[in-house]
Amino acid sequence: FVTDKTSQEILLNSDVLVTDFSSTGIHSRLIGKPTIFYNLTNDDMTFKPDYIDRFVYDLNSLLFQIGYLLDNPQGIDGQFVKDFNHSMDGKSLERMLKEIC
């Protein structure tokens, strides 16, 4: 589809993100959006990244999980933010200058 909105704008206006392996999944979790990984290939996934709330392998499971997450909003996961975005403290310029000076 064609849109004049950025992926960030679309994500901010969404209720749930359905994705495959993508950094958008991390962005989604950082702003408190539920994230579903839809494994279209049905491969056995031994590696499951921490940023994914739910894994699904078929359409029925996907629809069920979307409904569940819409009915049970999770909000921002403080531990996830701490693990993946610990430097978002407003001091990035200070750290950068310390490294280069």
Protein backbone atom coordinates (compact mmCIF):
# COMPACT_ATOMS: atom_id res chain seq x y z
CA PHE A 1 0.00 0.00 0.00
CA VAL A 2 1.03 3.62 -0.44
CA THR A 3 1.03 6.09 2.42
CA ASP A 4 2.56 9.43 3.22
CA LYS A 5 3.09 8.41 6.84
CA THR A 6 6.36 7.09 8.20
CA SER A 7 6.61 3.66 9.80
CA GLN A 8 7.03 5.41 13.16
CA GLU A 9 3.76 7.31 12.70
CA ILE A 10 1.95 4.13 11.72
CA LEU A 11 3.40 2.28 14.72
CA LEU A 12 2.36 5.05 17.11
CA ASN A 13 -1.21 4.82 15.80
CA SER A 14 -1.39 1.03 15.93
CA ASP A 15 -2.66 -1.18 18.74
CA VAL A 16 -0.62 -4.31 17.96
CA LEU A 17 2.39 -4.97 15.72
CA VAL A 18 2.48 -8.16 13.67
CA THR A 19 5.93 -8.72 12.23
CA ASP A 20 8.59 -11.20 11.26
CA PHE A 21 12.12 -10.64 12.55
CA SER A 22 12.45 -6.88 12.39
CA SER A 23 13.91 -4.04 14.43
CA THR A 24 10.43 -2.53 14.30
CA GLY A 25 9.54 -5.14 16.91
CA ILE A 26 12.03 -3.56 19.30
CA HIS A 27 10.65 -0.08 18.64
CA SER A 28 7.15 -1.39 19.22
CA ARG A 29 8.02 -2.84 22.63
CA LEU A 30 9.90 0.31 23.68
CA ILE A 31 6.74 2.36 23.28
CA GLY A 32 4.55 -0.25 24.94
CA LYS A 33 2.95 -1.82 21.87
CA PRO A 34 2.27 -5.56 21.94
CA THR A 35 4.33 -7.44 19.36
CA ILE A 36 3.41 -10.69 17.61
CA PHE A 37 5.89 -12.65 15.50
CA TYR A 38 4.09 -14.39 12.65
CA ASN A 39 6.26 -17.26 11.46
CA LEU A 40 5.09 -17.53 7.86
CA THR A 41 7.54 -20.30 7.01
CA ASN A 42 6.53 -22.57 9.92
CA ASP A 43 10.21 -23.14 10.63
CA ASP A 44 11.05 -24.48 14.06
CA MET A 45 12.19 -21.38 15.89
CA THR A 46 14.83 -22.27 18.45
CA PHE A 47 15.85 -18.61 18.79
CA LYS A 48 13.04 -16.41 20.05
CA PRO A 49 14.05 -12.79 20.57
CA ASP A 50 13.07 -11.12 23.84
CA TYR A 51 11.26 -8.30 22.09
CA ILE A 52 8.46 -10.55 20.86
CA ASP A 53 5.42 -10.94 23.11
CA ARG A 54 3.83 -13.81 21.22
CA PHE A 55 4.82 -16.32 18.51
CA VAL A 56 2.21 -17.64 16.10
CA TYR A 57 2.41 -20.08 13.20
CA ASP A 58 -1.06 -19.92 11.67
CA LEU A 59 -3.88 -17.49 10.97
CA ASN A 60 -6.19 -18.78 13.71
CA SER A 61 -3.49 -18.34 16.37
CA LEU A 62 -2.68 -14.89 14.99
CA LEU A 63 -6.30 -13.76 15.22
CA PHE A 64 -6.62 -15.19 18.73
CA GLN A 65 -3.45 -13.43 19.95
CA ILE A 66 -4.45 -10.10 18.40
CA GLY A 67 -7.80 -10.32 20.18
CA TYR A 68 -6.14 -11.29 23.45
CA LEU A 69 -3.61 -8.46 23.34
CA LEU A 70 -6.28 -5.90 22.43
CA ASP A 71 -8.39 -7.04 25.38
CA ASN A 72 -5.42 -7.23 27.78
CA PRO A 73 -3.07 -4.30 27.12
CA GLN A 74 0.35 -4.88 28.61
CA GLY A 75 1.79 -1.36 28.66
CA ILE A 76 5.49 -0.61 28.74
CA ASP A 77 7.68 -3.40 30.08
CA GLY A 78 10.12 -1.62 32.38
CA GLN A 79 12.65 -4.47 32.37
CA PHE A 80 12.60 -4.61 28.57
CA VAL A 81 13.22 -0.86 28.34
CA LYS A 82 16.03 -1.15 30.87
CA ASP A 83 17.64 -4.00 28.91
CA PHE A 84 17.26 -2.55 25.42
CA ASN A 85 17.18 1.22 25.91
CA HIS A 86 19.13 1.87 29.08
CA SER A 87 20.83 4.94 27.63
CA MET A 88 17.65 6.92 26.97
CA ASP A 89 18.28 9.32 29.80
CA GLY A 90 18.70 12.61 27.93
CA LYS A 91 22.49 12.49 28.23
CA SER A 92 23.48 10.99 24.89
CA LEU A 93 25.25 14.17 23.74
CA GLU A 94 27.20 14.27 26.99
CA ARG A 95 28.31 10.63 26.52
CA MET A 96 29.22 11.26 22.88
CA LEU A 97 31.34 14.29 23.73
CA LYS A 98 33.07 12.37 26.51
CA GLU A 99 34.03 9.66 24.01
CA ILE A 100 35.40 12.01 21.33
CA CYS A 101 37.07 14.65 23.49
